[in-house]
């Protein structure tokens, strides 16, 4: 399970927007839950899916990315779409990354 910690804290909507911008229309990004149970579901086609859960404190947001599916497909999704989603989040929100600079989120 990839985990990304970003500073300053980000909202679930900011993460959803970054994923949608970077992954494009081939991926479906939807929000689920509310409050401390907020999550994003990312799907590509019928079998590839990942879920992003947010944990926040005053200065950081930790994003846990899980591959979706059962047994074999979950393992494939952990190594595929979940890693891709985590990489997009890192590129969008970690200091010094080109995507973060382009989104106007310099720290």
PDB file of N, CA and C in Angstrom:
ATOM      1  N   UNK A   1       0.844  -1.167   0.000  1.00  0.00           N
ATOM      2  CA  UNK A   1       0.000   0.000   0.000  1.00  0.00           C
ATOM      3  C   UNK A   1       0.892   1.233   0.000  1.00  0.00           C
ATOM      4  N   UNK A   2       0.874   2.003  -1.094  1.00  0.00           N
ATOM      5  CA  UNK A   2       1.636   3.246  -1.106  1.00  0.00           C
ATOM      6  C   UNK A   2       1.030   4.285  -0.160  1.00  0.00           C
ATOM      7  N   UNK A   3       1.890   5.046   0.497  1.00  0.00           N
ATOM      8  CA  UNK A   3       1.463   6.126   1.386  1.00  0.00           C
ATOM      9  C   UNK A   3       2.249   7.378   1.026  1.00  0.00           C
ATOM     10  N   UNK A   4       1.541   8.513   0.938  1.00  0.00           N
ATOM     11  CA  UNK A   4       2.162   9.790   0.615  1.00  0.00           C
ATOM     12  C   UNK A   4       1.778  10.778   1.703  1.00  0.00           C
ATOM     13  N   UNK A   5       2.763  11.497   2.251  1.00  0.00           N
ATOM     14  CA  UNK A   5       2.496  12.538   3.240  1.00  0.00           C
ATOM     15  C   UNK A   5       2.884  13.877   2.638  1.00  0.00           C
ATOM     16  N   UNK A   6       1.939  14.818   2.661  1.00  0.00           N
ATOM     17  CA  UNK A   6       2.179  16.137   2.072  1.00  0.00           C
ATOM     18  C   UNK A   6       1.971  17.239   3.099  1.00  0.00           C
ATOM     19  N   UNK A   7       2.714  18.318   2.897  1.00  0.00           N
ATOM     20  CA  UNK A   7       2.607  19.493   3.749  1.00  0.00           C
ATOM     21  C   UNK A   7       2.575  20.688   2.819  1.00  0.00           C
ATOM     22  N   UNK A   8       1.720  21.652   2.966  1.00  0.00           N
ATOM     23  CA  UNK A   8       0.683  21.817   3.980  1.00  0.00           C
ATOM     24  C   UNK A   8      -0.480  20.865   3.707  1.00  0.00           C
ATOM     25  N   UNK A   9      -1.426  20.795   4.652  1.00  0.00           N
ATOM     26  CA  UNK A   9      -2.576  19.911   4.468  1.00  0.00           C
ATOM     27  C   UNK A   9      -3.334  20.250   3.176  1.00  0.00           C
ATOM     28  N   UNK A  10      -3.894  19.234   2.551  1.00  0.00           N
ATOM     29  CA  UNK A  10      -4.702  19.409   1.354  1.00  0.00           C
ATOM     30  C   UNK A  10      -6.091  18.819   1.595  1.00  0.00           C
ATOM     31  N   UNK A  11      -7.050  19.275   0.816  1.00  0.00           N
ATOM     32  CA  UNK A  11      -8.414  18.759   0.939  1.00  0.00           C
ATOM     33  C   UNK A  11      -8.628  17.601  -0.021  1.00  0.00           C
ATOM     34  N   UNK A  12      -9.682  16.856   0.226  1.00  0.00           N
ATOM     35  CA  UNK A  12     -10.011  15.752  -0.661  1.00  0.00           C
ATOM     36  C   UNK A  12     -10.332  16.267  -2.059  1.00  0.00           C
ATOM     37  N   UNK A  13     -10.924  17.450  -2.148  1.00  0.00           N
ATOM     38  CA  UNK A  13     -11.247  18.025  -3.456  1.00  0.00           C
ATOM     39  C   UNK A  13      -9.978  18.396  -4.220  1.00  0.00           C
ATOM     40  N   UNK A  14      -8.973  18.917  -3.523  1.00  0.00           N
ATOM     41  CA  UNK A  14      -7.700  19.243  -4.179  1.00  0.00           C
ATOM     42  C   UNK A  14      -7.032  17.982  -4.722  1.00  0.00           C
ATOM     43  N   UNK A  15      -7.092  16.901  -3.959  1.00  0.00           N
ATOM     44  CA  UNK A  15      -6.510  15.636  -4.412  1.00  0.00           C
ATOM     45  C   UNK A  15      -7.302  15.107  -5.609  1.00  0.00           C
ATOM     46  N   UNK A  16      -8.634  15.158  -5.534  1.00  0.00           N
ATOM     47  CA  UNK A  16      -9.471  14.700  -6.644  1.00  0.00           C
ATOM     48  C   UNK A  16      -9.175  15.504  -7.906  1.00  0.00           C
ATOM     49  N   UNK A  17      -9.051  16.824  -7.777  1.00  0.00           N
ATOM     50  CA  UNK A  17      -8.753  17.671  -8.933  1.00  0.00           C
ATOM     51  C   UNK A  17      -7.393  17.324  -9.535  1.00  0.00           C
ATOM     52  N   UNK A  18      -6.386  17.129  -8.692  1.00  0.00           N
ATOM     53  CA  UNK A  18      -5.053  16.783  -9.184  1.00  0.00           C
ATOM     54  C   UNK A  18      -5.075  15.443  -9.920  1.00  0.00           C
ATOM     55  N   UNK A  19      -5.777  14.456  -9.350  1.00  0.00           N
ATOM     56  CA  UNK A  19      -5.867  13.148 -10.000  1.00  0.00           C
ATOM     57  C   UNK A  19      -6.576  13.256 -11.334  1.00  0.00           C
ATOM     58  N   UNK A  20      -7.680  13.979 -11.367  1.00  0.00           N
ATOM     59  CA  UNK A  20      -8.433  14.140 -12.606  1.00  0.00           C
ATOM     60  C   UNK A  20      -7.576  14.846 -13.659  1.00  0.00           C
ATOM     61  N   UNK A  21      -6.874  15.911 -13.262  1.00  0.00           N
ATOM     62  CA  UNK A  21      -6.022  16.661 -14.195  1.00  0.00           C
ATOM     63  C   UNK A  21      -4.896  15.802 -14.757  1.00  0.00           C
ATOM     64  N   UNK A  22      -4.237  15.030 -13.897  1.00  0.00           N
ATOM     65  CA  UNK A  22      -3.062  14.274 -14.311  1.00  0.00           C
ATOM     66  C   UNK A  22      -3.385  12.931 -14.969  1.00  0.00           C
ATOM     67  N   UNK A  23      -4.454  12.277 -14.523  1.00  0.00           N
ATOM     68  CA  UNK A  23      -4.781  10.957 -15.072  1.00  0.00           C
ATOM     69  C   UNK A  23      -5.609  11.041 -16.352  1.00  0.00           C
ATOM     70  N   UNK A  24      -6.365  12.114 -16.503  1.00  0.00           N
ATOM     71  CA  UNK A  24      -7.152  12.299 -17.710  1.00  0.00           C
ATOM     72  C   UNK A  24      -8.486  11.573 -17.675  1.00  0.00           C
ATOM     73  N   UNK A  25      -9.155  11.612 -18.810  1.00  0.00           N
ATOM     74  CA  UNK A  25     -10.532  11.110 -18.890  1.00  0.00           C
ATOM     75  C   UNK A  25     -10.634   9.588 -18.907  1.00  0.00           C
ATOM     76  N   UNK A  26      -9.537   8.882 -19.070  1.00  0.00           N
ATOM     77  CA  UNK A  26      -9.586   7.413 -19.040  1.00  0.00           C
ATOM     78  C   UNK A  26      -9.831   6.879 -17.625  1.00  0.00           C
ATOM     79  N   UNK A  27      -9.637   7.743 -16.627  1.00  0.00           N
ATOM     80  CA  UNK A  27      -9.825   7.363 -15.238  1.00  0.00           C
ATOM     81  C   UNK A  27     -11.041   8.091 -14.669  1.00  0.00           C
ATOM     82  N   UNK A  28     -11.821   7.387 -13.862  1.00  0.00           N
ATOM     83  CA  UNK A  28     -12.966   7.982 -13.176  1.00  0.00           C
ATOM     84  C   UNK A  28     -12.580   8.196 -11.716  1.00  0.00           C
ATOM     85  N   UNK A  29     -12.704   9.443 -11.244  1.00  0.00           N
ATOM     86  CA  UNK A  29     -12.356   9.794  -9.862  1.00  0.00           C
ATOM     87  C   UNK A  29     -13.626  10.252  -9.169  1.00  0.00           C
ATOM     88  N   UNK A  30     -14.038   9.543  -8.094  1.00  0.00           N
ATOM     89  CA  UNK A  30     -15.256   9.904  -7.364  1.00  0.00           C
ATOM     90  C   UNK A  30     -14.964   9.979  -5.874  1.00  0.00           C
ATOM     91  N   UNK A  31     -15.718  10.845  -5.189  1.00  0.00           N
ATOM     92  CA  UNK A  31     -15.594  11.002  -3.737  1.00  0.00           C
ATOM     93  C   UNK A  31     -16.625  10.122  -3.036  1.00  0.00           C
ATOM     94  N   UNK A  32     -16.231   9.567  -1.897  1.00  0.00           N
ATOM     95  CA  UNK A  32     -17.113   8.734  -1.087  1.00  0.00           C
ATOM     96  C   UNK A  32     -16.957   9.110   0.373  1.00  0.00           C
ATOM     97  N   UNK A  33     -18.034   9.002   1.137  1.00  0.00           N
ATOM     98  CA  UNK A  33     -17.990   9.246   2.571  1.00  0.00           C
ATOM     99  C   UNK A  33     -17.920  10.717   2.917  1.00  0.00           C
ATOM    100  N   UNK A  34     -17.760  10.977   4.221  1.00  0.00           N
ATOM    101  CA  UNK A  34     -17.650  12.348   4.697  1.00  0.00           C
ATOM    102  C   UNK A  34     -16.874  12.362   6.005  1.00  0.00           C
ATOM    103  N   UNK A  35     -16.413  13.549   6.373  1.00  0.00           N
ATOM    104  CA  UNK A  35     -15.679  13.688   7.630  1.00  0.00           C
ATOM    105  C   UNK A  35     -14.421  12.846   7.646  1.00  0.00           C
ATOM    106  N   UNK A  36     -14.207  12.117   8.724  1.00  0.00           N
ATOM    107  CA  UNK A  36     -13.002  11.299   8.852  1.00  0.00           C
ATOM    108  C   UNK A  36     -13.045  10.042   7.985  1.00  0.00           C
ATOM    109  N   UNK A  37     -14.176   9.802   7.322  1.00  0.00           N
ATOM    110  CA  UNK A  37     -14.314   8.623   6.454  1.00  0.00           C
ATOM    111  C   UNK A  37     -14.308   8.995   4.979  1.00  0.00           C
ATOM    112  N   UNK A  38     -13.767  10.180   4.656  1.00  0.00           N
ATOM    113  CA  UNK A  38     -13.681  10.596   3.261  1.00  0.00           C
ATOM    114  C   UNK A  38     -12.689   9.717   2.512  1.00  0.00           C
ATOM    115  N   UNK A  39     -13.028   9.407   1.270  1.00  0.00           N
ATOM    116  CA  UNK A  39     -12.141   8.615   0.426  1.00  0.00           C
ATOM    117  C   UNK A  39     -12.405   8.953  -1.025  1.00  0.00           C
ATOM    118  N   UNK A  40     -11.426   8.663  -1.851  1.00  0.00           N
ATOM    119  CA  UNK A  40     -11.580   8.785  -3.291  1.00  0.00           C
ATOM    120  C   UNK A  40     -11.497   7.396  -3.896  1.00  0.00           C
ATOM    121  N   UNK A  41     -12.300   7.146  -4.884  1.00  0.00           N
ATOM    122  CA  UNK A  41     -12.258   5.888  -5.620  1.00  0.00           C
ATOM    123  C   UNK A  41     -11.814   6.236  -7.033  1.00  0.00           C
ATOM    124  N   UNK A  42     -10.790   5.552  -7.513  1.00  0.00           N
ATOM    125  CA  UNK A  42     -10.269   5.777  -8.853  1.00  0.00           C
ATOM    126  C   UNK A  42     -10.439   4.483  -9.628  1.00  0.00           C
ATOM    127  N   UNK A  43     -11.078   4.585 -10.804  1.00  0.00           N
ATOM    128  CA  UNK A  43     -11.309   3.404 -11.638  1.00  0.00           C
ATOM    129  C   UNK A  43     -10.788   3.647 -13.041  1.00  0.00           C
ATOM    130  N   UNK A  44     -10.247   2.591 -13.615  1.00  0.00           N
ATOM    131  CA  UNK A  44      -9.873   2.599 -15.023  1.00  0.00           C
ATOM    132  C   UNK A  44     -10.401   1.302 -15.603  1.00  0.00           C
ATOM    133  N   UNK A  45     -11.402   1.406 -16.434  1.00  0.00           N
ATOM    134  CA  UNK A  45     -11.999   0.206 -16.994  1.00  0.00           C
ATOM    135  C   UNK A  45     -12.761  -0.566 -15.932  1.00  0.00           C
ATOM    136  N   UNK A  46     -12.995  -1.838 -16.202  1.00  0.00           N
ATOM    137  CA  UNK A  46     -13.798  -2.646 -15.301  1.00  0.00           C
ATOM    138  C   UNK A  46     -13.055  -3.252 -14.128  1.00  0.00           C
ATOM    139  N   UNK A  47     -11.751  -3.501 -14.268  1.00  0.00           N
ATOM    140  CA  UNK A  47     -11.040  -4.239 -13.230  1.00  0.00           C
ATOM    141  C   UNK A  47     -10.034  -3.422 -12.431  1.00  0.00           C
ATOM    142  N   UNK A  48      -9.517  -2.348 -12.991  1.00  0.00           N
ATOM    143  CA  UNK A  48      -8.477  -1.568 -12.313  1.00  0.00           C
ATOM    144  C   UNK A  48      -9.115  -0.512 -11.423  1.00  0.00           C
ATOM    145  N   UNK A  49      -8.833  -0.598 -10.120  1.00  0.00           N
ATOM    146  CA  UNK A  49      -9.371   0.392  -9.192  1.00  0.00           C
ATOM    147  C   UNK A  49      -8.434   0.579  -8.008  1.00  0.00           C
ATOM    148  N   UNK A  50      -8.542   1.769  -7.416  1.00  0.00           N
ATOM    149  CA  UNK A  50      -7.771   2.097  -6.222  1.00  0.00           C
ATOM    150  C   UNK A  50      -8.616   3.008  -5.354  1.00  0.00           C
ATOM    151  N   UNK A  51      -8.314   3.010  -4.062  1.00  0.00           N
ATOM    152  CA  UNK A  51      -8.991   3.874  -3.103  1.00  0.00           C
ATOM    153  C   UNK A  51      -7.944   4.690  -2.370  1.00  0.00           C
ATOM    154  N   UNK A  52      -8.239   5.985  -2.177  1.00  0.00           N
ATOM    155  CA  UNK A  52      -7.342   6.881  -1.451  1.00  0.00           C
ATOM    156  C   UNK A  52      -8.062   7.346  -0.194  1.00  0.00           C
ATOM    157  N   UNK A  53      -7.468   7.072   0.967  1.00  0.00           N
ATOM    158  CA  UNK A  53      -7.999   7.534   2.254  1.00  0.00           C
ATOM    159  C   UNK A  53      -7.096   8.638   2.774  1.00  0.00           C
ATOM    160  N   UNK A  54      -7.695   9.699   3.326  1.00  0.00           N
ATOM    161  CA  UNK A  54      -6.938  10.827   3.859  1.00  0.00           C
ATOM    162  C   UNK A  54      -6.944  10.806   5.377  1.00  0.00           C
ATOM    163  N   UNK A  55      -5.792  11.110   5.980  1.00  0.00           N
ATOM    164  CA  UNK A  55      -5.661  11.356   7.418  1.00  0.00           C
ATOM    165  C   UNK A  55      -5.009  12.716   7.541  1.00  0.00           C
ATOM    166  N   UNK A  56      -5.584  13.596   8.362  1.00  0.00           N
ATOM    167  CA  UNK A  56      -5.030  14.930   8.479  1.00  0.00           C
ATOM    168  C   UNK A  56      -4.732  15.297   9.927  1.00  0.00           C
ATOM    169  N   UNK A  57      -3.688  16.122  10.079  1.00  0.00           N
ATOM    170  CA  UNK A  57      -3.465  16.804  11.347  1.00  0.00           C
ATOM    171  C   UNK A  57      -3.231  18.274  11.008  1.00  0.00           C
ATOM    172  N   UNK A  58      -2.737  19.059  11.922  1.00  0.00           N
ATOM    173  CA  UNK A  58      -2.604  20.497  11.699  1.00  0.00           C
ATOM    174  C   UNK A  58      -1.636  20.864  10.578  1.00  0.00           C
ATOM    175  N   UNK A  59      -0.623  20.044  10.350  1.00  0.00           N
ATOM    176  CA  UNK A  59       0.406  20.454   9.397  1.00  0.00           C
ATOM    177  C   UNK A  59       0.597  19.526   8.205  1.00  0.00           C
ATOM    178  N   UNK A  60      -0.033  18.348   8.194  1.00  0.00           N
ATOM    179  CA  UNK A  60       0.170  17.409   7.089  1.00  0.00           C
ATOM    180  C   UNK A  60      -1.117  16.671   6.728  1.00  0.00           C
ATOM    181  N   UNK A  61      -1.095  16.117   5.541  1.00  0.00           N
ATOM    182  CA  UNK A  61      -2.125  15.173   5.116  1.00  0.00           C
ATOM    183  C   UNK A  61      -1.405  13.906   4.694  1.00  0.00           C
ATOM    184  N   UNK A  62      -1.824  12.768   5.225  1.00  0.00           N
ATOM    185  CA  UNK A  62      -1.283  11.486   4.819  1.00  0.00           C
ATOM    186  C   UNK A  62      -2.340  10.797   3.972  1.00  0.00           C
ATOM    187  N   UNK A  63      -1.926  10.355   2.792  1.00  0.00           N
ATOM    188  CA  UNK A  63      -2.833   9.704   1.857  1.00  0.00           C
ATOM    189  C   UNK A  63      -2.417   8.247   1.711  1.00  0.00           C
ATOM    190  N   UNK A  64      -3.327   7.347   2.025  1.00  0.00           N
ATOM    191  CA  UNK A  64      -3.089   5.911   1.921  1.00  0.00           C
ATOM    192  C   UNK A  64      -3.792   5.429   0.660  1.00  0.00           C
ATOM    193  N   UNK A  65      -3.036   4.810  -0.233  1.00  0.00           N
ATOM    194  CA  UNK A  65      -3.579   4.353  -1.513  1.00  0.00           C
ATOM    195  C   UNK A  65      -3.617   2.836  -1.508  1.00  0.00           C
ATOM    196  N   UNK A  66      -4.805   2.270  -1.750  1.00  0.00           N
ATOM    197  CA  UNK A  66      -4.997   0.818  -1.756  1.00  0.00           C
ATOM    198  C   UNK A  66      -5.483   0.375  -3.130  1.00  0.00           C
ATOM    199  N   UNK A  67      -4.968  -0.732  -3.612  1.00  0.00           N
ATOM    200  CA  UNK A  67      -5.511  -1.337  -4.821  1.00  0.00           C
ATOM    201  C   UNK A  67      -6.841  -1.989  -4.485  1.00  0.00           C
ATOM    202  N   UNK A  68      -7.761  -1.993  -5.432  1.00  0.00           N
ATOM    203  CA  UNK A  68      -9.075  -2.591  -5.207  1.00  0.00           C
ATOM    204  C   UNK A  68      -9.159  -3.991  -5.773  1.00  0.00           C
ATOM    205  N   UNK A  69     -10.215  -4.692  -5.411  1.00  0.00           N
ATOM    206  CA  UNK A  69     -10.459  -6.031  -5.948  1.00  0.00           C
ATOM    207  C   UNK A  69     -10.264  -7.117  -4.916  1.00  0.00           C
ATOM    208  N   UNK A  70     -10.365  -8.331  -5.392  1.00  0.00           N
ATOM    209  CA  UNK A  70     -10.201  -9.514  -4.550  1.00  0.00           C
ATOM    210  C   UNK A  70      -8.900 -10.224  -4.900  1.00  0.00           C
ATOM    211  N   UNK A  71      -8.209 -10.705  -3.909  1.00  0.00           N
ATOM    212  CA  UNK A  71      -6.968 -11.469  -3.991  1.00  0.00           C
ATOM    213  C   UNK A  71      -6.059 -11.122  -5.164  1.00  0.00           C
ATOM    214  N   UNK A  72      -6.149 -11.838  -6.270  1.00  0.00           N
ATOM    215  CA  UNK A  72      -5.224 -11.650  -7.384  1.00  0.00           C
ATOM    216  C   UNK A  72      -5.365 -10.246  -7.972  1.00  0.00           C
ATOM    217  N   UNK A  73      -6.601  -9.813  -8.212  1.00  0.00           N
ATOM    218  CA  UNK A  73      -6.782  -8.486  -8.817  1.00  0.00           C
ATOM    219  C   UNK A  73      -6.324  -7.385  -7.861  1.00  0.00           C
ATOM    220  N   UNK A  74      -6.470  -7.591  -6.561  1.00  0.00           N
ATOM    221  CA  UNK A  74      -5.990  -6.596  -5.601  1.00  0.00           C
ATOM    222  C   UNK A  74      -4.473  -6.476  -5.680  1.00  0.00           C
ATOM    223  N   UNK A  75      -3.782  -7.580  -5.770  1.00  0.00           N
ATOM    224  CA  UNK A  75      -2.322  -7.560  -5.894  1.00  0.00           C
ATOM    225  C   UNK A  75      -1.912  -6.845  -7.178  1.00  0.00           C
ATOM    226  N   UNK A  76      -2.568  -7.161  -8.281  1.00  0.00           N
ATOM    227  CA  UNK A  76      -2.271  -6.492  -9.553  1.00  0.00           C
ATOM    228  C   UNK A  76      -2.531  -4.991  -9.422  1.00  0.00           C
ATOM    229  N   UNK A  77      -3.639  -4.612  -8.791  1.00  0.00           N
ATOM    230  CA  UNK A  77      -3.970  -3.195  -8.637  1.00  0.00           C
ATOM    231  C   UNK A  77      -3.022  -2.480  -7.674  1.00  0.00           C
ATOM    232  N   UNK A  78      -2.517  -3.172  -6.653  1.00  0.00           N
ATOM    233  CA  UNK A  78      -1.531  -2.574  -5.746  1.00  0.00           C
ATOM    234  C   UNK A  78      -0.251  -2.236  -6.509  1.00  0.00           C
ATOM    235  N   UNK A  79       0.129  -3.093  -7.437  1.00  0.00           N
ATOM    236  CA  UNK A  79       1.363  -2.894  -8.193  1.00  0.00           C
ATOM    237  C   UNK A  79       1.159  -1.998  -9.413  1.00  0.00           C
ATOM    238  N   UNK A  80      -0.087  -1.803  -9.818  1.00  0.00           N
ATOM    239  CA  UNK A  80      -0.379  -1.021 -11.011  1.00  0.00           C
ATOM    240  C   UNK A  80      -0.995   0.326 -10.693  1.00  0.00           C
ATOM    241  N   UNK A  81      -2.317   0.374 -10.669  1.00  0.00           N
ATOM    242  CA  UNK A  81      -3.035   1.643 -10.526  1.00  0.00           C
ATOM    243  C   UNK A  81      -2.736   2.342  -9.197  1.00  0.00           C
ATOM    244  N   UNK A  82      -2.583   1.601  -8.108  1.00  0.00           N
ATOM    245  CA  UNK A  82      -2.312   2.240  -6.808  1.00  0.00           C
ATOM    246  C   UNK A  82      -0.963   2.964  -6.839  1.00  0.00           C
ATOM    247  N   UNK A  83       0.062   2.348  -7.436  1.00  0.00           N
ATOM    248  CA  UNK A  83       1.365   3.004  -7.552  1.00  0.00           C
ATOM    249  C   UNK A  83       1.278   4.235  -8.447  1.00  0.00           C
ATOM    250  N   UNK A  84       0.509   4.144  -9.523  1.00  0.00           N
ATOM    251  CA  UNK A  84       0.349   5.287 -10.430  1.00  0.00           C
ATOM    252  C   UNK A  84      -0.352   6.439  -9.720  1.00  0.00           C
ATOM    253  N   UNK A  85      -1.413   6.139  -8.982  1.00  0.00           N
ATOM    254  CA  UNK A  85      -2.148   7.169  -8.245  1.00  0.00           C
ATOM    255  C   UNK A  85      -1.236   7.830  -7.213  1.00  0.00           C
ATOM    256  N   UNK A  86      -0.464   7.042  -6.470  1.00  0.00           N
ATOM    257  CA  UNK A  86       0.461   7.601  -5.475  1.00  0.00           C
ATOM    258  C   UNK A  86       1.504   8.494  -6.144  1.00  0.00           C
ATOM    259  N   UNK A  87       2.003   8.085  -7.306  1.00  0.00           N
ATOM    260  CA  UNK A  87       2.997   8.891  -8.021  1.00  0.00           C
ATOM    261  C   UNK A  87       2.405  10.221  -8.471  1.00  0.00           C
ATOM    262  N   UNK A  88       1.154  10.213  -8.917  1.00  0.00           N
ATOM    263  CA  UNK A  88       0.489  11.455  -9.326  1.00  0.00           C
ATOM    264  C   UNK A  88       0.328  12.382  -8.122  1.00  0.00           C
ATOM    265  N   UNK A  89      -0.063  11.830  -6.981  1.00  0.00           N
ATOM    266  CA  UNK A  89      -0.224  12.642  -5.767  1.00  0.00           C
ATOM    267  C   UNK A  89       1.113  13.255  -5.364  1.00  0.00           C
ATOM    268  N   UNK A  90       2.178  12.455  -5.387  1.00  0.00           N
ATOM    269  CA  UNK A  90       3.505  12.984  -5.053  1.00  0.00           C
ATOM    270  C   UNK A  90       3.893  14.110  -6.001  1.00  0.00           C
ATOM    271  N   UNK A  91       3.700  13.901  -7.290  1.00  0.00           N
ATOM    272  CA  UNK A  91       4.075  14.916  -8.279  1.00  0.00           C
ATOM    273  C   UNK A  91       3.267  16.194  -8.111  1.00  0.00           C
ATOM    274  N   UNK A  92       2.018  16.058  -7.719  1.00  0.00           N
ATOM    275  CA  UNK A  92       1.142  17.224  -7.605  1.00  0.00           C
ATOM    276  C   UNK A  92       1.373  18.033  -6.333  1.00  0.00           C
ATOM    277  N   UNK A  93       1.801  17.383  -5.252  1.00  0.00           N
ATOM    278  CA  UNK A  93       1.805  18.082  -3.968  1.00  0.00           C
ATOM    279  C   UNK A  93       3.139  18.146  -3.238  1.00  0.00           C
ATOM    280  N   UNK A  94       4.138  17.406  -3.650  1.00  0.00           N
ATOM    281  CA  UNK A  94       5.412  17.488  -2.943  1.00  0.00           C
ATOM    282  C   UNK A  94       6.231  18.660  -3.464  1.00  0.00           C
ATOM    283  N   UNK A  95       6.925  19.378  -2.580  1.00  0.00           N
ATOM    284  CA  UNK A  95       7.689  20.573  -2.979  1.00  0.00           C
ATOM    285  C   UNK A  95       8.685  20.268  -4.089  1.00  0.00           C
ATOM    286  N   UNK A  96       8.778  21.224  -5.017  1.00  0.00           N
ATOM    287  CA  UNK A  96       9.775  21.109  -6.080  1.00  0.00           C
ATOM    288  C   UNK A  96       9.355  20.301  -7.281  1.00  0.00           C
ATOM    289  N   UNK A  97       8.218  19.622  -7.218  1.00  0.00           N
ATOM    290  CA  UNK A  97       7.808  18.839  -8.378  1.00  0.00           C
ATOM    291  C   UNK A  97       7.214  19.765  -9.430  1.00  0.00           C
ATOM    292  N   UNK A  98       7.422  19.474 -10.719  1.00  0.00           N
ATOM    293  CA  UNK A  98       6.894  20.322 -11.783  1.00  0.00           C
ATOM    294  C   UNK A  98       5.373  20.462 -11.718  1.00  0.00           C
ATOM    295  N   UNK A  99       4.660  19.399 -11.387  1.00  0.00           N
ATOM    296  CA  UNK A  99       3.196  19.477 -11.324  1.00  0.00           C
ATOM    297  C   UNK A  99       2.760  20.436 -10.225  1.00  0.00           C
ATOM    298  N   UNK A 100       3.468  20.419  -9.094  1.00  0.00           N
ATOM    299  CA  UNK A 100       3.103  21.328  -8.005  1.00  0.00           C
ATOM    300  C   UNK A 100       3.328  22.775  -8.425  1.00  0.00           C
ATOM    301  N   UNK A 101       4.420  23.049  -9.100  1.00  0.00           N
ATOM    302  CA  UNK A 101       4.693  24.396  -9.578  1.00  0.00           C
ATOM    303  C   UNK A 101       3.604  24.839 -10.556  1.00  0.00           C
ATOM    304  N   UNK A 102       3.216  23.966 -11.463  1.00  0.00           N
ATOM    305  CA  UNK A 102       2.185  24.299 -12.444  1.00  0.00           C
ATOM    306  C   UNK A 102       0.823  24.540 -11.814  1.00  0.00           C
ATOM    307  N   UNK A 103       0.545  23.911 -10.687  1.00  0.00           N
ATOM    308  CA  UNK A 103      -0.743  24.077 -10.024  1.00  0.00           C
ATOM    309  C   UNK A 103      -0.741  25.289  -9.087  1.00  0.00           C
ATOM    310  N   UNK A 104       0.400  25.977  -8.998  1.00  0.00           N
ATOM    311  CA  UNK A 104       0.455  27.172  -8.172  1.00  0.00           C
ATOM    312  C   UNK A 104       0.470  26.885  -6.683  1.00  0.00           C
ATOM    313  N   UNK A 105       0.989  25.742  -6.270  1.00  0.00           N
ATOM    314  CA  UNK A 105       0.957  25.348  -4.870  1.00  0.00           C
ATOM    315  C   UNK A 105       2.372  25.307  -4.284  1.00  0.00           C
ATOM    316  N   UNK A 106       3.179  26.292  -4.595  1.00  0.00           N
ATOM    317  CA  UNK A 106       4.526  26.326  -4.043  1.00  0.00           C
ATOM    318  C   UNK A 106       4.497  26.622  -2.557  1.00  0.00           C
ATOM    319  N   UNK A 107       5.404  26.007  -1.813  1.00  0.00           N
ATOM    320  CA  UNK A 107       5.475  26.270  -0.368  1.00  0.00           C
ATOM    321  C   UNK A 107       6.670  27.132  -0.058  1.00  0.00           C
TER     322      UNK A 107
END
